[in-house]
Amino acid sequence: MKRNDIDQAISDLTRSIELAPIEASGYYNRGLAFRQKGDIEKARADFRRALELVKVPELRELIEKQLQELDG
């Protein structure tokens, strides 16, 4: 995502999720990429899945903030 290649970032993050499907960070980061791409529904779905899996309070706050911003 830092190189502004959102499609490649989504592909890489999808692979990361396949390898570690119970890690919230993969869903959170892919949600950020989908949001940046403008695919709000996919972003929302990834943020919700991340929220189900998250164990780190700081990450939970970031995820909740993203969902609040999307839900307006």
PDB file of N, CA and C in Angstrom:
ATOM      1  N   MET A   1       0.820  -1.187   0.000  1.00  0.00           N
ATOM      2  CA  MET A   1       0.000   0.000   0.000  1.00  0.00           C
ATOM      3  C   MET A   1       0.866   1.253   0.000  1.00  0.00           C
ATOM      4  N   LYS A   2       2.035   1.155   0.583  1.00  0.00           N
ATOM      5  CA  LYS A   2       2.926   2.316   0.630  1.00  0.00           C
ATOM      6  C   LYS A   2       3.375   2.745  -0.760  1.00  0.00           C
ATOM      7  N   ARG A   3       3.384   1.779  -1.702  1.00  0.00           N
ATOM      8  CA  ARG A   3       3.786   2.103  -3.076  1.00  0.00           C
ATOM      9  C   ARG A   3       2.588   2.519  -3.916  1.00  0.00           C
ATOM     10  N   ASN A   4       1.435   2.620  -3.279  1.00  0.00           N
ATOM     11  CA  ASN A   4       0.203   3.017  -3.958  1.00  0.00           C
ATOM     12  C   ASN A   4      -0.267   1.985  -4.969  1.00  0.00           C
ATOM     13  N   ASP A   5       0.128   0.741  -4.817  1.00  0.00           N
ATOM     14  CA  ASP A   5      -0.353  -0.341  -5.661  1.00  0.00           C
ATOM     15  C   ASP A   5      -1.391  -1.112  -4.848  1.00  0.00           C
ATOM     16  N   ILE A   6      -2.597  -0.562  -4.803  1.00  0.00           N
ATOM     17  CA  ILE A   6      -3.646  -1.098  -3.949  1.00  0.00           C
ATOM     18  C   ILE A   6      -4.043  -2.512  -4.361  1.00  0.00           C
ATOM     19  N   ASP A   7      -4.145  -2.763  -5.651  1.00  0.00           N
ATOM     20  CA  ASP A   7      -4.526  -4.103  -6.096  1.00  0.00           C
ATOM     21  C   ASP A   7      -3.507  -5.150  -5.672  1.00  0.00           C
ATOM     22  N   GLN A   8      -2.233  -4.816  -5.760  1.00  0.00           N
ATOM     23  CA  GLN A   8      -1.198  -5.755  -5.311  1.00  0.00           C
ATOM     24  C   GLN A   8      -1.258  -5.940  -3.800  1.00  0.00           C
ATOM     25  N   ALA A   9      -1.517  -4.868  -3.086  1.00  0.00           N
ATOM     26  CA  ALA A   9      -1.640  -4.956  -1.628  1.00  0.00           C
ATOM     27  C   ALA A   9      -2.801  -5.877  -1.254  1.00  0.00           C
ATOM     28  N   ILE A  10      -3.935  -5.734  -1.928  1.00  0.00           N
ATOM     29  CA  ILE A  10      -5.086  -6.586  -1.648  1.00  0.00           C
ATOM     30  C   ILE A  10      -4.741  -8.044  -1.944  1.00  0.00           C
ATOM     31  N   SER A  11      -4.060  -8.291  -3.041  1.00  0.00           N
ATOM     32  CA  SER A  11      -3.642  -9.648  -3.389  1.00  0.00           C
ATOM     33  C   SER A  11      -2.712 -10.226  -2.331  1.00  0.00           C
ATOM     34  N   ASP A  12      -1.725  -9.445  -1.919  1.00  0.00           N
ATOM     35  CA  ASP A  12      -0.773  -9.902  -0.894  1.00  0.00           C
ATOM     36  C   ASP A  12      -1.473 -10.161   0.436  1.00  0.00           C
ATOM     37  N   LEU A  13      -2.381  -9.266   0.805  1.00  0.00           N
ATOM     38  CA  LEU A  13      -3.086  -9.420   2.077  1.00  0.00           C
ATOM     39  C   LEU A  13      -4.053 -10.599   2.037  1.00  0.00           C
ATOM     40  N   THR A  14      -4.646 -10.847   0.895  1.00  0.00           N
ATOM     41  CA  THR A  14      -5.512 -12.020   0.747  1.00  0.00           C
ATOM     42  C   THR A  14      -4.699 -13.289   0.964  1.00  0.00           C
ATOM     43  N   ARG A  15      -3.515 -13.327   0.403  1.00  0.00           N
ATOM     44  CA  ARG A  15      -2.625 -14.482   0.608  1.00  0.00           C
ATOM     45  C   ARG A  15      -2.236 -14.605   2.081  1.00  0.00           C
ATOM     46  N   SER A  16      -1.963 -13.491   2.712  1.00  0.00           N
ATOM     47  CA  SER A  16      -1.633 -13.493   4.136  1.00  0.00           C
ATOM     48  C   SER A  16      -2.787 -14.061   4.965  1.00  0.00           C
ATOM     49  N   ILE A  17      -4.007 -13.686   4.610  1.00  0.00           N
ATOM     50  CA  ILE A  17      -5.187 -14.189   5.317  1.00  0.00           C
ATOM     51  C   ILE A  17      -5.337 -15.689   5.089  1.00  0.00           C
ATOM     52  N   GLU A  18      -5.051 -16.154   3.889  1.00  0.00           N
ATOM     53  CA  GLU A  18      -5.116 -17.590   3.610  1.00  0.00           C
ATOM     54  C   GLU A  18      -4.136 -18.358   4.484  1.00  0.00           C
ATOM     55  N   LEU A  19      -2.968 -17.781   4.726  1.00  0.00           N
ATOM     56  CA  LEU A  19      -1.938 -18.440   5.528  1.00  0.00           C
ATOM     57  C   LEU A  19      -2.197 -18.334   7.032  1.00  0.00           C
ATOM     58  N   ALA A  20      -2.870 -17.270   7.449  1.00  0.00           N
ATOM     59  CA  ALA A  20      -3.137 -17.051   8.873  1.00  0.00           C
ATOM     60  C   ALA A  20      -4.555 -16.495   9.040  1.00  0.00           C
ATOM     61  N   PRO A  21      -5.570 -17.337   8.837  1.00  0.00           N
ATOM     62  CA  PRO A  21      -6.955 -16.855   8.810  1.00  0.00           C
ATOM     63  C   PRO A  21      -7.516 -16.374  10.149  1.00  0.00           C
ATOM     64  N   ILE A  22      -6.793 -16.606  11.229  1.00  0.00           N
ATOM     65  CA  ILE A  22      -7.314 -16.150  12.522  1.00  0.00           C
ATOM     66  C   ILE A  22      -6.587 -14.914  13.048  1.00  0.00           C
ATOM     67  N   GLU A  23      -5.781 -14.286  12.201  1.00  0.00           N
ATOM     68  CA  GLU A  23      -5.072 -13.062  12.563  1.00  0.00           C
ATOM     69  C   GLU A  23      -5.879 -11.843  12.130  1.00  0.00           C
ATOM     70  N   ALA A  24      -6.290 -11.050  13.083  1.00  0.00           N
ATOM     71  CA  ALA A  24      -7.111  -9.872  12.801  1.00  0.00           C
ATOM     72  C   ALA A  24      -6.395  -8.851  11.929  1.00  0.00           C
ATOM     73  N   SER A  25      -5.085  -8.747  12.072  1.00  0.00           N
ATOM     74  CA  SER A  25      -4.351  -7.696  11.363  1.00  0.00           C
ATOM     75  C   SER A  25      -4.446  -7.826   9.848  1.00  0.00           C
ATOM     76  N   GLY A  26      -4.499  -9.045   9.323  1.00  0.00           N
ATOM     77  CA  GLY A  26      -4.632  -9.225   7.881  1.00  0.00           C
ATOM     78  C   GLY A  26      -5.941  -8.655   7.358  1.00  0.00           C
ATOM     79  N   TYR A  27      -7.012  -8.939   8.085  1.00  0.00           N
ATOM     80  CA  TYR A  27      -8.327  -8.413   7.699  1.00  0.00           C
ATOM     81  C   TYR A  27      -8.371  -6.894   7.850  1.00  0.00           C
ATOM     82  N   TYR A  28      -7.784  -6.404   8.925  1.00  0.00           N
ATOM     83  CA  TYR A  28      -7.769  -4.953   9.150  1.00  0.00           C
ATOM     84  C   TYR A  28      -7.027  -4.244   8.018  1.00  0.00           C
ATOM     85  N   ASN A  29      -5.842  -4.734   7.699  1.00  0.00           N
ATOM     86  CA  ASN A  29      -5.045  -4.089   6.648  1.00  0.00           C
ATOM     87  C   ASN A  29      -5.689  -4.215   5.274  1.00  0.00           C
ATOM     88  N   ARG A  30      -6.293  -5.370   4.993  1.00  0.00           N
ATOM     89  CA  ARG A  30      -6.976  -5.497   3.714  1.00  0.00           C
ATOM     90  C   ARG A  30      -8.204  -4.586   3.689  1.00  0.00           C
ATOM     91  N   GLY A  31      -8.856  -4.430   4.828  1.00  0.00           N
ATOM     92  CA  GLY A  31      -9.971  -3.494   4.907  1.00  0.00           C
ATOM     93  C   GLY A  31      -9.531  -2.078   4.591  1.00  0.00           C
ATOM     94  N   LEU A  32      -8.359  -1.702   5.089  1.00  0.00           N
ATOM     95  CA  LEU A  32      -7.816  -0.379   4.773  1.00  0.00           C
ATOM     96  C   LEU A  32      -7.569  -0.235   3.272  1.00  0.00           C
ATOM     97  N   ALA A  33      -7.052  -1.293   2.668  1.00  0.00           N
ATOM     98  CA  ALA A  33      -6.779  -1.255   1.229  1.00  0.00           C
ATOM     99  C   ALA A  33      -8.085  -1.149   0.437  1.00  0.00           C
ATOM    100  N   PHE A  34      -9.087  -1.942   0.824  1.00  0.00           N
ATOM    101  CA  PHE A  34     -10.381  -1.852   0.138  1.00  0.00           C
ATOM    102  C   PHE A  34     -10.987  -0.463   0.310  1.00  0.00           C
ATOM    103  N   ARG A  35     -10.837   0.091   1.494  1.00  0.00           N
ATOM    104  CA  ARG A  35     -11.373   1.435   1.727  1.00  0.00           C
ATOM    105  C   ARG A  35     -10.681   2.451   0.821  1.00  0.00           C
ATOM    106  N   GLN A  36      -9.366   2.348   0.735  1.00  0.00           N
ATOM    107  CA  GLN A  36      -8.612   3.266  -0.111  1.00  0.00           C
ATOM    108  C   GLN A  36      -9.015   3.115  -1.578  1.00  0.00           C
ATOM    109  N   LYS A  37      -9.355   1.898  -1.962  1.00  0.00           N
ATOM    110  CA  LYS A  37      -9.768   1.633  -3.344  1.00  0.00           C
ATOM    111  C   LYS A  37     -11.196   2.110  -3.602  1.00  0.00           C
ATOM    112  N   GLY A  38     -11.944   2.328  -2.526  1.00  0.00           N
ATOM    113  CA  GLY A  38     -13.321   2.788  -2.670  1.00  0.00           C
ATOM    114  C   GLY A  38     -14.346   1.678  -2.588  1.00  0.00           C
ATOM    115  N   ASP A  39     -13.918   0.472  -2.249  1.00  0.00           N
ATOM    116  CA  ASP A  39     -14.825  -0.665  -2.116  1.00  0.00           C
ATOM    117  C   ASP A  39     -15.266  -0.757  -0.655  1.00  0.00           C
ATOM    118  N   ILE A  40     -16.242   0.054  -0.318  1.00  0.00           N
ATOM    119  CA  ILE A  40     -16.648   0.229   1.076  1.00  0.00           C
ATOM    120  C   ILE A  40     -17.259  -1.044   1.667  1.00  0.00           C
ATOM    121  N   GLU A  41     -18.044  -1.765   0.889  1.00  0.00           N
ATOM    122  CA  GLU A  41     -18.676  -2.981   1.418  1.00  0.00           C
ATOM    123  C   GLU A  41     -17.641  -4.043   1.782  1.00  0.00           C
ATOM    124  N   LYS A  42     -16.643  -4.222   0.937  1.00  0.00           N
ATOM    125  CA  LYS A  42     -15.585  -5.189   1.257  1.00  0.00           C
ATOM    126  C   LYS A  42     -14.759  -4.710   2.438  1.00  0.00           C
ATOM    127  N   ALA A  43     -14.519  -3.410   2.514  1.00  0.00           N
ATOM    128  CA  ALA A  43     -13.789  -2.853   3.660  1.00  0.00           C
ATOM    129  C   ALA A  43     -14.560  -3.121   4.942  1.00  0.00           C
ATOM    130  N   ARG A  44     -15.845  -2.833   4.913  1.00  0.00           N
ATOM    131  CA  ARG A  44     -16.691  -3.041   6.086  1.00  0.00           C
ATOM    132  C   ARG A  44     -16.677  -4.514   6.505  1.00  0.00           C
ATOM    133  N   ALA A  45     -16.777  -5.425   5.554  1.00  0.00           N
ATOM    134  CA  ALA A  45     -16.770  -6.858   5.859  1.00  0.00           C
ATOM    135  C   ALA A  45     -15.451  -7.278   6.507  1.00  0.00           C
ATOM    136  N   ASP A  46     -14.341  -6.777   5.973  1.00  0.00           N
ATOM    137  CA  ASP A  46     -13.036  -7.125   6.556  1.00  0.00           C
ATOM    138  C   ASP A  46     -12.874  -6.533   7.951  1.00  0.00           C
ATOM    139  N   PHE A  47     -13.320  -5.306   8.158  1.00  0.00           N
ATOM    140  CA  PHE A  47     -13.225  -4.707   9.485  1.00  0.00           C
ATOM    141  C   PHE A  47     -14.076  -5.482  10.493  1.00  0.00           C
ATOM    142  N   ARG A  48     -15.249  -5.923  10.071  1.00  0.00           N
ATOM    143  CA  ARG A  48     -16.109  -6.701  10.975  1.00  0.00           C
ATOM    144  C   ARG A  48     -15.469  -8.043  11.320  1.00  0.00           C
ATOM    145  N   ARG A  49     -14.856  -8.686  10.338  1.00  0.00           N
ATOM    146  CA  ARG A  49     -14.178  -9.963  10.609  1.00  0.00           C
ATOM    147  C   ARG A  49     -12.989  -9.733  11.537  1.00  0.00           C
ATOM    148  N   ALA A  50     -12.255  -8.665  11.304  1.00  0.00           N
ATOM    149  CA  ALA A  50     -11.117  -8.346  12.178  1.00  0.00           C
ATOM    150  C   ALA A  50     -11.591  -8.124  13.606  1.00  0.00           C
ATOM    151  N   LEU A  51     -12.717  -7.468  13.759  1.00  0.00           N
ATOM    152  CA  LEU A  51     -13.253  -7.194  15.085  1.00  0.00           C
ATOM    153  C   LEU A  51     -13.612  -8.491  15.811  1.00  0.00           C
ATOM    154  N   GLU A  52     -14.076  -9.489  15.070  1.00  0.00           N
ATOM    155  CA  GLU A  52     -14.383 -10.786  15.668  1.00  0.00           C
ATOM    156  C   GLU A  52     -13.124 -11.492  16.182  1.00  0.00           C
ATOM    157  N   LEU A  53     -11.994 -11.243  15.527  1.00  0.00           N
ATOM    158  CA  LEU A  53     -10.764 -11.976  15.832  1.00  0.00           C
ATOM    159  C   LEU A  53      -9.790 -11.234  16.736  1.00  0.00           C
ATOM    160  N   VAL A  54      -9.932  -9.938  16.849  1.00  0.00           N
ATOM    161  CA  VAL A  54      -8.914  -9.118  17.500  1.00  0.00           C
ATOM    162  C   VAL A  54      -8.754  -9.457  18.981  1.00  0.00           C
ATOM    163  N   LYS A  55      -7.497  -9.440  19.426  1.00  0.00           N
ATOM    164  CA  LYS A  55      -7.169  -9.695  20.824  1.00  0.00           C
ATOM    165  C   LYS A  55      -6.435  -8.514  21.454  1.00  0.00           C
ATOM    166  N   VAL A  56      -5.929  -7.629  20.624  1.00  0.00           N
ATOM    167  CA  VAL A  56      -5.135  -6.488  21.098  1.00  0.00           C
ATOM    168  C   VAL A  56      -6.055  -5.274  21.233  1.00  0.00           C
ATOM    169  N   PRO A  57      -6.187  -4.719  22.436  1.00  0.00           N
ATOM    170  CA  PRO A  57      -7.110  -3.598  22.637  1.00  0.00           C
ATOM    171  C   PRO A  57      -6.847  -2.399  21.721  1.00  0.00           C
ATOM    172  N   GLU A  58      -5.594  -2.102  21.463  1.00  0.00           N
ATOM    173  CA  GLU A  58      -5.278  -0.947  20.615  1.00  0.00           C
ATOM    174  C   GLU A  58      -5.766  -1.163  19.183  1.00  0.00           C
ATOM    175  N   LEU A  59      -5.623  -2.381  18.696  1.00  0.00           N
ATOM    176  CA  LEU A  59      -6.103  -2.687  17.352  1.00  0.00           C
ATOM    177  C   LEU A  59      -7.628  -2.668  17.322  1.00  0.00           C
ATOM    178  N   ARG A  60      -8.252  -3.137  18.387  1.00  0.00           N
ATOM    179  CA  ARG A  60      -9.721  -3.095  18.474  1.00  0.00           C
ATOM    180  C   ARG A  60     -10.213  -1.656  18.315  1.00  0.00           C
ATOM    181  N   GLU A  61      -9.552  -0.729  18.970  1.00  0.00           N
ATOM    182  CA  GLU A  61      -9.943   0.681  18.870  1.00  0.00           C
ATOM    183  C   GLU A  61      -9.810   1.195  17.436  1.00  0.00           C
ATOM    184  N   LEU A  62      -8.730   0.821  16.758  1.00  0.00           N
ATOM    185  CA  LEU A  62      -8.530   1.255  15.369  1.00  0.00           C
ATOM    186  C   LEU A  62      -9.616   0.685  14.454  1.00  0.00           C
ATOM    187  N   ILE A  63      -9.956  -0.572  14.659  1.00  0.00           N
ATOM    188  CA  ILE A  63     -10.983  -1.215  13.846  1.00  0.00           C
ATOM    189  C   ILE A  63     -12.334  -0.546  14.087  1.00  0.00           C
ATOM    190  N   GLU A  64     -12.661  -0.333  15.347  1.00  0.00           N
ATOM    191  CA  GLU A  64     -13.937   0.305  15.672  1.00  0.00           C
ATOM    192  C   GLU A  64     -14.015   1.703  15.077  1.00  0.00           C
ATOM    193  N   LYS A  65     -12.908   2.430  15.080  1.00  0.00           N
ATOM    194  CA  LYS A  65     -12.885   3.761  14.504  1.00  0.00           C
ATOM    195  C   LYS A  65     -13.153   3.700  12.995  1.00  0.00           C
ATOM    196  N   GLN A  66     -12.539   2.743  12.319  1.00  0.00           N
ATOM    197  CA  GLN A  66     -12.765   2.596  10.875  1.00  0.00           C
ATOM    198  C   GLN A  66     -14.232   2.317  10.582  1.00  0.00           C
ATOM    199  N   LEU A  67     -14.834   1.421  11.366  1.00  0.00           N
ATOM    200  CA  LEU A  67     -16.245   1.101  11.153  1.00  0.00           C
ATOM    201  C   LEU A  67     -17.145   2.298  11.436  1.00  0.00           C
ATOM    202  N   GLN A  68     -16.823   3.059  12.458  1.00  0.00           N
ATOM    203  CA  GLN A  68     -17.610   4.261  12.765  1.00  0.00           C
ATOM    204  C   GLN A  68     -17.539   5.256  11.623  1.00  0.00           C
ATOM    205  N   GLU A  69     -16.362   5.432  11.069  1.00  0.00           N
ATOM    206  CA  GLU A  69     -16.204   6.371   9.961  1.00  0.00           C
ATOM    207  C   GLU A  69     -16.962   5.896   8.720  1.00  0.00           C
ATOM    208  N   LEU A  70     -16.957   4.594   8.459  1.00  0.00           N
ATOM    209  CA  LEU A  70     -17.681   4.067   7.302  1.00  0.00           C
ATOM    210  C   LEU A  70     -19.192   4.149   7.493  1.00  0.00           C
ATOM    211  N   ASP A  71     -19.622   3.960   8.728  1.00  0.00           N
ATOM    212  CA  ASP A  71     -21.060   3.971   9.015  1.00  0.00           C
ATOM    213  C   ASP A  71     -21.596   5.399   9.193  1.00  0.00           C
ATOM    214  N   GLY A  72     -20.654   6.338   9.241  1.00  0.00           N
ATOM    215  CA  GLY A  72     -20.965   7.754   9.258  1.00  0.00           C
ATOM    216  C   GLY A  72     -21.735   8.222  10.416  1.00  0.00           C
TER     217      GLY A  72
END
